Structures are given as structure tokens and as C-alpha cells.
Amino acid sequence: MIVQQINLYQDRFREKKLWISATQVAATLLIFVVAGAIWSFLLGIERGQAEQQGRTLKADQGRVALELAAVNAELAELLEDKRLDRNIENTARQISARKRVLNFVEANRFGSGEGFSDYLVALSNLHVNDIWLNQIRLTENFLQIKGSALNATDVPIYFDSFGNEQIFQGNRFDLFRLSRAKDSDWKVDFEIATSGEFDE
């Protein structure tokens, strides 16, 4: 009979305790998986929002670019449009003509102020848009007025307003002429005169 003694207090015979069980490992993995899924979901939402914002910004940029192009085109048309320059030039001519008339009256060039200055005062009272006077000739028995207008239809309106000034009432104008020069076809020139001749 063989007898062998076994020391039951050796480490290999002691009960070993596991610090982490399989259930805990599985639960931990499950938590990581769920957390990863949630994180991926949130990242997907943020990415979608960022893409939407990007599309909105691109649309805004496109709209701004179109508006800027339209404004630039309008500005180019305004710079090329000579009507504004013509309007400024015509206004300057009107102002210059009125100043000449007023200067004649103020300087009293025609004597005591009871003669020709009354005609000039009356002419300065008349006003029709886009019409200006270029020349006025006055003697005791002769009146000649030369001027220009942007529209031929405004000229009769201007002469109709002569009747509002007492000094022109009863005057007979024997000459009425309209003309348009080729080099300045944007305006029409007119001339009216009473009977008689201008004394140089």
C-alpha cells in the first residue's frame, strides 16, 4: 500500500476568485456598444445639420451673387446711360438762361426799368420743364425768342403760358419755327418773333 501525503494548503488547491465575471464583461461590452451607437447617432445628426447649414449657406451665397450681379449690371447701365448727363446739362442751361434774364433785369440794361425789363421779368416768370431760352432780342417794335426743348410737344405749352403774363397779351407773333439739328437730335430748337425787324 502506497501512502502519499498531499498538502491541501498549496496555492493550486485554493479556490480562486475572479475579479470580473463573464456577466460583467458582457454588460460592459453592451454598455460600450450602446454608448457607441448613441454617439454615432448624435454624430450623424450633427453631420446632417452641418450639411443642411452648408446647403443653406451655398444657397445664400448664390442669391447674394445674383443680386450683386444685378446691381453691377444696373450700375453699368447707369454709367453708360447718357440721359442723366443730358438732364444735368439741360438743367444747367435752364439755370443759366434764367440767370441771364435776371441779370438783365437787375442790371437794368434797357434804361429806366419801365421798358424792356418788363418783358424780361415776364419771361422769367414762365416755366415749363425741359425748356430753356438761348437768345432774346428786344427793341421798341420787335421781340424775338430762341430756345430749345427736350420734347417738341412741350413748346406749345410754353407759348400758351405767354397769355398768363399781361405784357404779352395783344402781341402778335408772325414767326413760329421748329427745327432739329442732326448733330443734336435729342432736342428741338424753336424760334418765335413779332412782326418788324431787329435793329442791330
Protein backbone atom coordinates (compact mmCIF):
# COMPACT_ATOMS: atom_id res chain seq x y z
CA MET A 1 0.00 0.00 0.00
CA ILE A 2 1.32 3.29 -1.05
CA VAL A 3 0.57 6.28 1.02
CA GLN A 4 1.21 9.79 -0.27
CA GLN A 5 0.67 12.90 1.65
CA ILE A 6 -0.87 15.81 -0.11
CA ASN A 7 -0.62 19.30 1.23
CA LEU A 8 -4.03 20.76 0.62
CA TYR A 9 -2.86 24.24 1.54
CA GLN A 10 -0.92 24.74 -1.63
CA ASP A 11 -1.98 27.68 -3.82
CA ARG A 12 -3.11 25.45 -6.61
CA PHE A 13 -5.68 23.85 -4.43
CA ARG A 14 -7.11 27.06 -3.09
CA GLU A 15 -10.34 28.46 -4.54
CA LYS A 16 -9.55 31.25 -6.99
CA LYS A 17 -11.74 34.32 -7.04
CA LEU A 18 -12.40 36.04 -10.37
CA TRP A 19 -12.36 39.82 -10.17
CA ILE A 20 -14.57 40.19 -13.28
CA SER A 21 -17.19 37.71 -14.18
CA ALA A 22 -18.36 36.90 -17.68
CA THR A 23 -21.65 38.64 -16.98
CA GLN A 24 -19.86 41.81 -16.01
CA VAL A 25 -17.71 41.66 -19.16
CA ALA A 26 -20.78 41.18 -21.29
CA ALA A 27 -22.58 44.04 -19.56
CA THR A 28 -19.56 46.28 -20.02
CA LEU A 29 -19.33 45.42 -23.70
CA LEU A 30 -23.05 46.04 -24.07
CA ILE A 31 -22.66 49.46 -22.44
CA PHE A 32 -19.81 50.33 -24.83
CA VAL A 33 -21.82 49.17 -27.82
CA VAL A 34 -24.87 51.19 -26.76
CA ALA A 35 -22.72 54.23 -26.00
CA GLY A 36 -21.00 53.88 -29.40
CA ALA A 37 -24.37 53.61 -31.13
CA ILE A 38 -25.69 56.69 -29.34
CA TRP A 39 -22.51 58.58 -30.12
CA SER A 40 -22.72 57.56 -33.80
CA PHE A 41 -26.38 58.62 -33.87
CA LEU A 42 -25.56 62.02 -32.39
CA LEU A 43 -22.66 62.46 -34.80
CA GLY A 44 -24.99 61.59 -37.68
CA ILE A 45 -27.50 64.22 -36.53
CA GLU A 46 -24.77 66.85 -36.22
CA ARG A 47 -23.41 65.92 -39.61
CA GLY A 48 -26.87 66.23 -41.15
CA GLN A 49 -27.34 69.62 -39.53
CA ALA A 50 -23.91 70.73 -40.74
CA GLU A 51 -24.72 69.57 -44.28
CA GLN A 52 -28.05 71.40 -44.14
CA GLN A 53 -26.32 74.56 -42.94
CA GLY A 54 -23.77 74.18 -45.71
CA ARG A 55 -26.52 73.88 -48.33
CA THR A 56 -28.25 76.94 -46.85
CA LEU A 57 -25.02 78.94 -46.92
CA LYS A 58 -24.39 77.93 -50.52
CA ALA A 59 -27.92 78.96 -51.46
CA ASP A 60 -27.45 82.30 -49.68
CA GLN A 61 -24.13 82.81 -51.44
CA GLY A 62 -25.74 82.08 -54.78
CA ARG A 63 -28.57 84.52 -54.08
CA VAL A 64 -26.14 87.22 -52.97
CA ALA A 65 -24.02 86.62 -56.06
CA LEU A 66 -27.09 87.01 -58.30
CA GLU A 67 -28.15 90.19 -56.50
CA LEU A 68 -24.63 91.58 -56.77
CA ALA A 69 -24.51 90.77 -60.48
CA ALA A 70 -27.87 92.50 -60.98
CA VAL A 71 -26.69 95.59 -59.08
CA ASN A 72 -23.45 95.67 -61.08
CA ALA A 73 -25.39 95.39 -64.34
CA GLU A 74 -27.74 98.20 -63.28
CA LEU A 75 -24.77 100.35 -62.27
CA ALA A 76 -23.10 99.69 -65.63
CA GLU A 77 -26.30 100.73 -67.42
CA LEU A 78 -26.49 103.91 -65.37
CA LEU A 79 -22.88 104.72 -66.16
CA GLU A 80 -23.47 104.11 -69.85
CA ASP A 81 -26.79 105.94 -69.90
CA LYS A 82 -26.23 109.47 -71.14
CA ARG A 83 -29.73 110.62 -70.26
CA LEU A 84 -28.61 111.59 -66.79
CA ASP A 85 -25.82 113.71 -68.26
CA ARG A 86 -28.30 115.27 -70.66
CA ASN A 87 -30.71 116.07 -67.86
CA ILE A 88 -27.90 117.70 -65.89
CA GLU A 89 -26.82 119.66 -68.95
CA ASN A 90 -30.38 120.78 -69.69
CA THR A 91 -30.93 121.83 -66.09
CA ALA A 92 -27.69 123.80 -66.17
CA ARG A 93 -28.83 125.51 -69.37
CA GLN A 94 -32.18 126.40 -67.84
CA ILE A 95 -30.49 127.85 -64.79
CA SER A 96 -28.03 129.75 -66.97
CA ALA A 97 -30.83 131.18 -69.12
CA ARG A 98 -32.79 132.29 -66.07
CA LYS A 99 -29.69 133.87 -64.59
CA ARG A 100 -29.08 135.79 -67.80
CA VAL A 101 -32.63 137.07 -67.79
CA LEU A 102 -32.42 138.06 -64.13
CA ASN A 103 -29.05 139.71 -64.69
CA PHE A 104 -30.54 141.76 -67.49
CA VAL A 105 -33.35 142.87 -65.24
CA GLU A 106 -31.15 143.59 -62.24
CA ALA A 107 -28.58 145.48 -64.30
CA ASN A 108 -31.41 147.48 -65.89
CA ARG A 109 -29.66 147.37 -69.24
CA PHE A 110 -32.62 148.71 -71.12
CA GLY A 111 -32.99 152.01 -69.38
CA SER A 112 -35.24 153.01 -66.52
CA GLY A 113 -36.70 149.59 -65.94
CA GLU A 114 -40.09 150.54 -67.37
CA GLY A 115 -39.24 149.38 -70.89
CA PHE A 116 -37.75 146.05 -71.87
CA SER A 117 -37.16 144.86 -68.34
CA ASP A 118 -40.91 144.15 -68.01
CA TYR A 119 -40.60 141.65 -70.85
CA LEU A 120 -37.65 140.00 -69.19
CA VAL A 121 -39.44 139.78 -65.86
CA ALA A 122 -42.41 138.20 -67.61
CA LEU A 123 -40.16 135.69 -69.37
CA SER A 124 -38.50 134.78 -66.09
CA ASN A 125 -41.95 134.04 -64.61
CA LEU A 126 -42.72 131.46 -67.30
CA HIS A 127 -41.64 127.93 -66.54
CA VAL A 128 -42.12 124.65 -68.39
CA ASN A 129 -39.93 121.66 -67.62
CA ASP A 130 -37.24 120.74 -70.15
CA ILE A 131 -37.38 124.09 -71.98
CA TRP A 132 -34.66 126.74 -71.92
CA LEU A 133 -34.03 130.03 -73.75
CA ASN A 134 -30.90 130.59 -75.80
CA GLN A 135 -31.46 134.12 -77.11
CA ILE A 136 -33.77 137.08 -76.50
CA ARG A 137 -33.87 140.16 -78.77
CA LEU A 138 -35.89 143.22 -77.87
CA THR A 139 -36.44 146.59 -79.44
CA GLU A 140 -39.30 149.02 -79.26
CA ASN A 141 -41.23 147.20 -82.01
CA PHE A 142 -39.63 143.77 -82.17
CA LEU A 143 -39.42 140.69 -79.94
CA GLN A 144 -37.56 137.51 -80.89
CA ILE A 145 -37.12 134.47 -78.65
CA LYS A 146 -34.96 131.46 -79.47
CA GLY A 147 -34.73 128.40 -77.30
CA SER A 148 -34.66 124.62 -77.10
CA ALA A 149 -36.77 121.83 -75.63
CA LEU A 150 -36.32 118.14 -75.00
CA ASN A 151 -39.78 117.38 -76.38
CA ALA A 152 -41.49 119.22 -79.24
CA THR A 153 -44.86 118.75 -77.53
CA ASP A 154 -43.73 121.00 -74.66
CA VAL A 155 -43.16 124.02 -76.90
CA PRO A 156 -46.88 124.85 -77.49
CA ILE A 157 -47.47 124.50 -73.74
CA TYR A 158 -44.70 127.03 -73.14
CA PHE A 159 -46.14 129.55 -75.61
CA ASP A 160 -49.65 129.07 -74.24
CA SER A 161 -48.33 130.26 -70.90
CA PHE A 162 -47.48 133.65 -72.50
CA GLY A 163 -51.12 134.55 -72.13
CA ASN A 164 -50.72 134.47 -68.34
CA GLU A 165 -48.39 137.49 -68.48
CA GLN A 166 -50.13 140.79 -69.12
CA ILE A 167 -47.27 142.32 -71.09
CA PHE A 168 -47.56 139.64 -73.82
CA GLN A 169 -51.32 139.97 -74.19
CA GLY A 170 -52.14 141.61 -77.51
CA ASN A 171 -48.75 140.86 -79.06
CA ARG A 172 -48.86 139.15 -82.44
CA PHE A 173 -46.15 136.64 -83.24
CA ASP A 174 -45.75 136.28 -87.00
CA LEU A 175 -42.88 133.79 -86.89
CA PHE A 176 -43.03 130.35 -85.32
CA ARG A 177 -40.35 127.86 -86.29
CA LEU A 178 -39.31 124.42 -85.03
CA SER A 179 -36.12 122.65 -86.14
CA ARG A 180 -33.97 119.70 -85.12
CA ALA A 181 -30.26 119.56 -85.92
CA LYS A 182 -28.70 116.23 -86.93
CA ASP A 183 -25.79 116.60 -84.53
CA SER A 184 -28.16 117.30 -81.62
CA ASP A 185 -31.26 115.27 -82.41
CA TRP A 186 -32.01 114.80 -78.72
CA LYS A 187 -33.52 118.31 -78.59
CA VAL A 188 -35.73 120.52 -80.73
CA ASP A 189 -34.97 124.22 -81.34
CA PHE A 190 -37.71 126.84 -81.60
CA GLU A 191 -37.97 130.49 -82.59
CA ILE A 192 -40.79 132.99 -82.36
CA ALA A 193 -40.80 136.64 -83.34
CA THR A 194 -43.18 139.51 -83.73
CA SER A 195 -43.52 141.46 -86.95
CA GLY A 196 -40.82 144.01 -87.60
CA GLU A 197 -37.06 143.86 -87.75
CA PHE A 198 -34.37 143.83 -85.13
CA ASP A 199 -32.27 146.95 -85.08
CA GLU A 200 -28.59 145.97 -84.81
